[in-house]
Amino acid sequence: MENDVLEVFARIGYEIERRLGEAGTALLLVIFLWVFWATPLDTIVATALIALAYYRFTRKKDPPPLRNGFWVTVLGILLVVWGVTSLTGVVYKSWELGLIFAGLLLIILGVMGGEGSERGSR
Protein backbone atom coordinates (compact mmCIF):
# COMPACT_ATOMS: atom_id res chain seq x y z
CA MET A 1 0.00 0.00 0.00
CA GLU A 2 2.86 2.40 0.80
CA ASN A 3 4.32 1.96 -2.70
CA ASP A 4 0.92 2.52 -4.29
CA VAL A 5 0.47 5.82 -2.46
CA LEU A 6 4.02 6.88 -3.33
CA GLU A 7 3.48 6.02 -6.99
CA VAL A 8 0.22 7.99 -7.12
CA PHE A 9 1.84 11.11 -5.65
CA ALA A 10 4.91 10.68 -7.87
CA ARG A 11 2.66 10.52 -10.94
CA ILE A 12 0.74 13.61 -9.82
CA GLY A 13 4.04 15.43 -9.29
CA TYR A 14 5.24 14.33 -12.72
CA GLU A 15 2.09 15.66 -14.41
CA ILE A 16 2.36 18.97 -12.54
CA GLU A 17 6.03 19.36 -13.46
CA ARG A 18 5.34 18.50 -17.10
CA ARG A 19 2.64 21.17 -17.33
CA LEU A 20 4.84 23.76 -15.61
CA GLY A 21 7.13 23.59 -18.64
CA GLU A 22 4.63 25.79 -20.45
CA ALA A 23 5.29 29.47 -19.75
CA GLY A 24 1.63 30.46 -19.54
CA THR A 25 0.78 27.72 -17.07
CA ALA A 26 3.76 28.50 -14.84
CA LEU A 27 3.04 32.24 -14.84
CA LEU A 28 -0.67 31.73 -14.19
CA LEU A 29 0.07 29.43 -11.26
CA VAL A 30 2.55 31.91 -9.74
CA ILE A 31 0.02 34.74 -10.04
CA PHE A 32 -2.67 32.51 -8.52
CA LEU A 33 -0.37 31.65 -5.60
CA TRP A 34 0.49 35.28 -4.85
CA VAL A 35 -3.15 36.33 -4.96
CA PHE A 36 -4.76 33.51 -2.99
CA TRP A 37 -2.12 31.83 -0.80
CA ALA A 38 -2.35 33.00 2.79
CA THR A 39 1.26 32.85 3.97
CA PRO A 40 4.11 34.59 2.15
CA LEU A 41 6.85 32.13 3.11
CA ASP A 42 4.93 29.26 1.53
CA THR A 43 4.27 31.38 -1.53
CA ILE A 44 7.95 32.21 -1.96
CA VAL A 45 8.95 28.55 -1.65
CA ALA A 46 6.22 27.46 -4.09
CA THR A 47 7.24 30.20 -6.56
CA ALA A 48 10.87 29.11 -6.39
CA LEU A 49 9.90 25.48 -7.02
CA ILE A 50 7.69 26.47 -9.97
CA ALA A 51 10.51 28.57 -11.43
CA LEU A 52 12.92 25.65 -10.98
CA ALA A 53 10.54 23.23 -12.71
CA TYR A 54 10.08 25.68 -15.60
CA TYR A 55 13.84 26.30 -15.86
CA ARG A 56 14.67 22.60 -15.87
CA PHE A 57 11.96 21.77 -18.40
CA THR A 58 12.86 24.54 -20.86
CA ARG A 59 16.64 24.45 -20.52
CA LYS A 60 17.10 20.76 -19.68
CA LYS A 61 19.68 21.54 -16.98
CA ASP A 62 20.00 22.83 -13.44
CA PRO A 63 20.30 26.60 -12.91
CA PRO A 64 23.78 28.04 -12.35
CA PRO A 65 24.89 28.89 -8.80
CA LEU A 66 24.13 32.36 -7.47
CA ARG A 67 26.88 34.70 -8.61
CA ASN A 68 25.52 37.65 -6.70
CA GLY A 69 22.88 37.59 -3.99
CA PHE A 70 21.99 41.27 -4.44
CA TRP A 71 18.42 40.80 -5.72
CA VAL A 72 17.65 38.09 -3.18
CA THR A 73 18.86 40.43 -0.43
CA VAL A 74 16.81 43.34 -1.82
CA LEU A 75 13.69 41.16 -1.93
CA GLY A 76 14.37 40.07 1.65
CA ILE A 77 14.73 43.66 2.83
CA LEU A 78 11.47 44.62 1.10
CA LEU A 79 9.63 41.74 2.77
CA VAL A 80 11.01 42.65 6.21
CA VAL A 81 10.00 46.30 5.74
CA TRP A 82 6.54 45.25 4.52
CA GLY A 83 6.10 42.90 7.49
CA VAL A 84 7.26 45.45 10.07
CA THR A 85 5.08 48.15 8.52
CA SER A 86 2.08 45.81 8.59
CA LEU A 87 2.73 44.97 12.24
CA THR A 88 2.24 48.61 13.17
CA GLY A 89 -1.40 48.35 12.05
CA VAL A 90 -4.32 47.95 14.42
CA VAL A 91 -5.07 44.29 13.72
CA TYR A 92 -2.37 41.67 14.24
CA LYS A 93 -2.16 38.91 11.63
CA SER A 94 0.19 35.94 11.63
CA TRP A 95 1.25 36.48 8.00
CA GLU A 96 3.11 39.63 8.99
CA LEU A 97 5.54 37.57 11.02
CA GLY A 98 5.77 35.24 8.06
CA LEU A 99 6.77 38.16 5.85
CA ILE A 100 9.48 39.18 8.30
CA PHE A 101 10.73 35.60 8.59
CA ALA A 102 10.71 35.11 4.79
CA GLY A 103 12.54 38.40 4.34
CA LEU A 104 15.21 37.48 6.87
CA LEU A 105 15.71 34.10 5.18
CA LEU A 106 16.09 35.78 1.79
CA ILE A 107 18.59 38.28 3.21
CA ILE A 108 20.64 35.42 4.64
CA LEU A 109 20.43 33.48 1.36
CA GLY A 110 21.39 36.57 -0.61
CA VAL A 111 24.39 37.36 1.53
CA MET A 112 25.52 33.74 1.85
CA GLY A 113 24.68 32.91 -1.77
CA GLY A 114 27.09 35.39 -3.23
CA GLU A 115 29.89 34.30 -0.92
CA GLY A 116 29.23 30.57 -1.33
CA SER A 117 29.35 30.63 -5.14
CA GLU A 118 32.59 32.65 -5.10
CA ARG A 119 34.24 30.04 -2.89
CA GLY A 120 32.97 27.22 -5.08
CA SER A 121 34.22 28.78 -8.33
CA ARG A 122 37.83 29.19 -7.22
C-alpha atoms as a PDB file:
ATOM      1  CA  MET A   1       0.000   0.000   0.000  1.00  0.00           C
ATOM      2  CA  GLU A   2       2.858   2.400   0.798  1.00  0.00           C
ATOM      3  CA  ASN A   3       4.318   1.958  -2.699  1.00  0.00           C
ATOM      4  CA  ASP A   4       0.920   2.525  -4.288  1.00  0.00           C
ATOM      5  CA  VAL A   5       0.467   5.824  -2.457  1.00  0.00           C
ATOM      6  CA  LEU A   6       4.019   6.882  -3.327  1.00  0.00           C
ATOM      7  CA  GLU A   7       3.484   6.020  -6.992  1.00  0.00           C
ATOM      8  CA  VAL A   8       0.223   7.991  -7.115  1.00  0.00           C
ATOM      9  CA  PHE A   9       1.845  11.109  -5.647  1.00  0.00           C
ATOM     10  CA  ALA A  10       4.909  10.676  -7.873  1.00  0.00           C
ATOM     11  CA  ARG A  11       2.659  10.521 -10.936  1.00  0.00           C
ATOM     12  CA  ILE A  12       0.740  13.606  -9.823  1.00  0.00           C
ATOM     13  CA  GLY A  13       4.040  15.427  -9.288  1.00  0.00           C
ATOM     14  CA  TYR A  14       5.242  14.330 -12.720  1.00  0.00           C
ATOM     15  CA  GLU A  15       2.090  15.657 -14.408  1.00  0.00           C
ATOM     16  CA  ILE A  16       2.361  18.975 -12.543  1.00  0.00           C
ATOM     17  CA  GLU A  17       6.034  19.356 -13.461  1.00  0.00           C
ATOM     18  CA  ARG A  18       5.336  18.501 -17.098  1.00  0.00           C
ATOM     19  CA  ARG A  19       2.643  21.167 -17.332  1.00  0.00           C
ATOM     20  CA  LEU A  20       4.845  23.764 -15.614  1.00  0.00           C
ATOM     21  CA  GLY A  21       7.128  23.592 -18.642  1.00  0.00           C
ATOM     22  CA  GLU A  22       4.627  25.792 -20.447  1.00  0.00           C
ATOM     23  CA  ALA A  23       5.287  29.471 -19.752  1.00  0.00           C
ATOM     24  CA  GLY A  24       1.629  30.463 -19.541  1.00  0.00           C
ATOM     25  CA  THR A  25       0.776  27.719 -17.065  1.00  0.00           C
ATOM     26  CA  ALA A  26       3.756  28.496 -14.840  1.00  0.00           C
ATOM     27  CA  LEU A  27       3.036  32.241 -14.842  1.00  0.00           C
ATOM     28  CA  LEU A  28      -0.674  31.735 -14.191  1.00  0.00           C
ATOM     29  CA  LEU A  29       0.071  29.431 -11.257  1.00  0.00           C
ATOM     30  CA  VAL A  30       2.545  31.910  -9.738  1.00  0.00           C
ATOM     31  CA  ILE A  31       0.018  34.742 -10.037  1.00  0.00           C
ATOM     32  CA  PHE A  32      -2.669  32.512  -8.521  1.00  0.00           C
ATOM     33  CA  LEU A  33      -0.367  31.654  -5.599  1.00  0.00           C
ATOM     34  CA  TRP A  34       0.491  35.282  -4.849  1.00  0.00           C
ATOM     35  CA  VAL A  35      -3.152  36.334  -4.958  1.00  0.00           C
ATOM     36  CA  PHE A  36      -4.763  33.509  -2.988  1.00  0.00           C
ATOM     37  CA  TRP A  37      -2.117  31.835  -0.802  1.00  0.00           C
ATOM     38  CA  ALA A  38      -2.354  33.002   2.794  1.00  0.00           C
ATOM     39  CA  THR A  39       1.258  32.846   3.971  1.00  0.00           C
ATOM     40  CA  PRO A  40       4.112  34.594   2.149  1.00  0.00           C
ATOM     41  CA  LEU A  41       6.847  32.132   3.112  1.00  0.00           C
ATOM     42  CA  ASP A  42       4.935  29.261   1.534  1.00  0.00           C
ATOM     43  CA  THR A  43       4.267  31.377  -1.529  1.00  0.00           C
ATOM     44  CA  ILE A  44       7.955  32.211  -1.961  1.00  0.00           C
ATOM     45  CA  VAL A  45       8.947  28.549  -1.648  1.00  0.00           C
ATOM     46  CA  ALA A  46       6.220  27.461  -4.091  1.00  0.00           C
ATOM     47  CA  THR A  47       7.236  30.196  -6.560  1.00  0.00           C
ATOM     48  CA  ALA A  48      10.871  29.112  -6.387  1.00  0.00           C
ATOM     49  CA  LEU A  49       9.896  25.480  -7.022  1.00  0.00           C
ATOM     50  CA  ILE A  50       7.690  26.470  -9.966  1.00  0.00           C
ATOM     51  CA  ALA A  51      10.510  28.568 -11.426  1.00  0.00           C
ATOM     52  CA  LEU A  52      12.921  25.648 -10.981  1.00  0.00           C
ATOM     53  CA  ALA A  53      10.537  23.230 -12.708  1.00  0.00           C
ATOM     54  CA  TYR A  54      10.075  25.677 -15.603  1.00  0.00           C
ATOM     55  CA  TYR A  55      13.836  26.302 -15.864  1.00  0.00           C
ATOM     56  CA  ARG A  56      14.669  22.598 -15.875  1.00  0.00           C
ATOM     57  CA  PHE A  57      11.958  21.774 -18.398  1.00  0.00           C
ATOM     58  CA  THR A  58      12.862  24.537 -20.860  1.00  0.00           C
ATOM     59  CA  ARG A  59      16.643  24.454 -20.524  1.00  0.00           C
ATOM     60  CA  LYS A  60      17.098  20.756 -19.681  1.00  0.00           C
ATOM     61  CA  LYS A  61      19.677  21.538 -16.981  1.00  0.00           C
ATOM     62  CA  ASP A  62      19.996  22.831 -13.437  1.00  0.00           C
ATOM     63  CA  PRO A  63      20.302  26.596 -12.909  1.00  0.00           C
ATOM     64  CA  PRO A  64      23.777  28.037 -12.345  1.00  0.00           C
ATOM     65  CA  PRO A  65      24.886  28.889  -8.798  1.00  0.00           C
ATOM     66  CA  LEU A  66      24.126  32.356  -7.469  1.00  0.00           C
ATOM     67  CA  ARG A  67      26.884  34.697  -8.608  1.00  0.00           C
ATOM     68  CA  ASN A  68      25.517  37.647  -6.695  1.00  0.00           C
ATOM     69  CA  GLY A  69      22.885  37.594  -3.988  1.00  0.00           C
ATOM     70  CA  PHE A  70      21.990  41.274  -4.444  1.00  0.00           C
ATOM     71  CA  TRP A  71      18.420  40.798  -5.723  1.00  0.00           C
ATOM     72  CA  VAL A  72      17.650  38.094  -3.183  1.00  0.00           C
ATOM     73  CA  THR A  73      18.864  40.427  -0.428  1.00  0.00           C
ATOM     74  CA  VAL A  74      16.810  43.340  -1.815  1.00  0.00           C
ATOM     75  CA  LEU A  75      13.688  41.162  -1.932  1.00  0.00           C
ATOM     76  CA  GLY A  76      14.373  40.070   1.647  1.00  0.00           C
ATOM     77  CA  ILE A  77      14.726  43.658   2.827  1.00  0.00           C
ATOM     78  CA  LEU A  78      11.474  44.624   1.099  1.00  0.00           C
ATOM     79  CA  LEU A  79       9.631  41.740   2.771  1.00  0.00           C
ATOM     80  CA  VAL A  80      11.007  42.650   6.209  1.00  0.00           C
ATOM     81  CA  VAL A  81       9.998  46.300   5.739  1.00  0.00           C
ATOM     82  CA  TRP A  82       6.536  45.252   4.521  1.00  0.00           C
ATOM     83  CA  GLY A  83       6.098  42.900   7.486  1.00  0.00           C
ATOM     84  CA  VAL A  84       7.258  45.447  10.069  1.00  0.00           C
ATOM     85  CA  THR A  85       5.079  48.147   8.517  1.00  0.00           C
ATOM     86  CA  SER A  86       2.083  45.812   8.589  1.00  0.00           C
ATOM     87  CA  LEU A  87       2.731  44.970  12.240  1.00  0.00           C
ATOM     88  CA  THR A  88       2.238  48.606  13.173  1.00  0.00           C
ATOM     89  CA  GLY A  89      -1.404  48.353  12.049  1.00  0.00           C
ATOM     90  CA  VAL A  90      -4.316  47.947  14.418  1.00  0.00           C
ATOM     91  CA  VAL A  91      -5.069  44.294  13.719  1.00  0.00           C
ATOM     92  CA  TYR A  92      -2.368  41.666  14.235  1.00  0.00           C
ATOM     93  CA  LYS A  93      -2.159  38.912  11.628  1.00  0.00           C
ATOM     94  CA  SER A  94       0.189  35.945  11.625  1.00  0.00           C
ATOM     95  CA  TRP A  95       1.255  36.484   8.005  1.00  0.00           C
ATOM     96  CA  GLU A  96       3.109  39.634   8.994  1.00  0.00           C
ATOM     97  CA  LEU A  97       5.543  37.574  11.022  1.00  0.00           C
ATOM     98  CA  GLY A  98       5.771  35.237   8.057  1.00  0.00           C
ATOM     99  CA  LEU A  99       6.774  38.161   5.851  1.00  0.00           C
ATOM    100  CA  ILE A 100       9.483  39.183   8.298  1.00  0.00           C
ATOM    101  CA  PHE A 101      10.730  35.599   8.588  1.00  0.00           C
ATOM    102  CA  ALA A 102      10.711  35.112   4.794  1.00  0.00           C
ATOM    103  CA  GLY A 103      12.538  38.396   4.342  1.00  0.00           C
ATOM    104  CA  LEU A 104      15.212  37.476   6.871  1.00  0.00           C
ATOM    105  CA  LEU A 105      15.706  34.102   5.183  1.00  0.00           C
ATOM    106  CA  LEU A 106      16.093  35.776   1.794  1.00  0.00           C
ATOM    107  CA  ILE A 107      18.586  38.282   3.214  1.00  0.00           C
ATOM    108  CA  ILE A 108      20.638  35.422   4.642  1.00  0.00           C
ATOM    109  CA  LEU A 109      20.426  33.477   1.359  1.00  0.00           C
ATOM    110  CA  GLY A 110      21.391  36.565  -0.613  1.00  0.00           C
ATOM    111  CA  VAL A 111      24.391  37.364   1.532  1.00  0.00           C
ATOM    112  CA  MET A 112      25.524  33.741   1.848  1.00  0.00           C
ATOM    113  CA  GLY A 113      24.680  32.910  -1.772  1.00  0.00           C
ATOM    114  CA  GLY A 114      27.087  35.392  -3.235  1.00  0.00           C
ATOM    115  CA  GLU A 115      29.888  34.296  -0.922  1.00  0.00           C
ATOM    116  CA  GLY A 116      29.233  30.574  -1.334  1.00  0.00           C
ATOM    117  CA  SER A 117      29.346  30.635  -5.137  1.00  0.00           C
ATOM    118  CA  GLU A 118      32.587  32.647  -5.100  1.00  0.00           C
ATOM    119  CA  ARG A 119      34.241  30.040  -2.894  1.00  0.00           C
ATOM    120  CA  GLY A 120      32.967  27.217  -5.080  1.00  0.00           C
ATOM    121  CA  SER A 121      34.220  28.778  -8.333  1.00  0.00           C
ATOM    122  CA  ARG A 122      37.830  29.191  -7.224  1.00  0.00           C
END
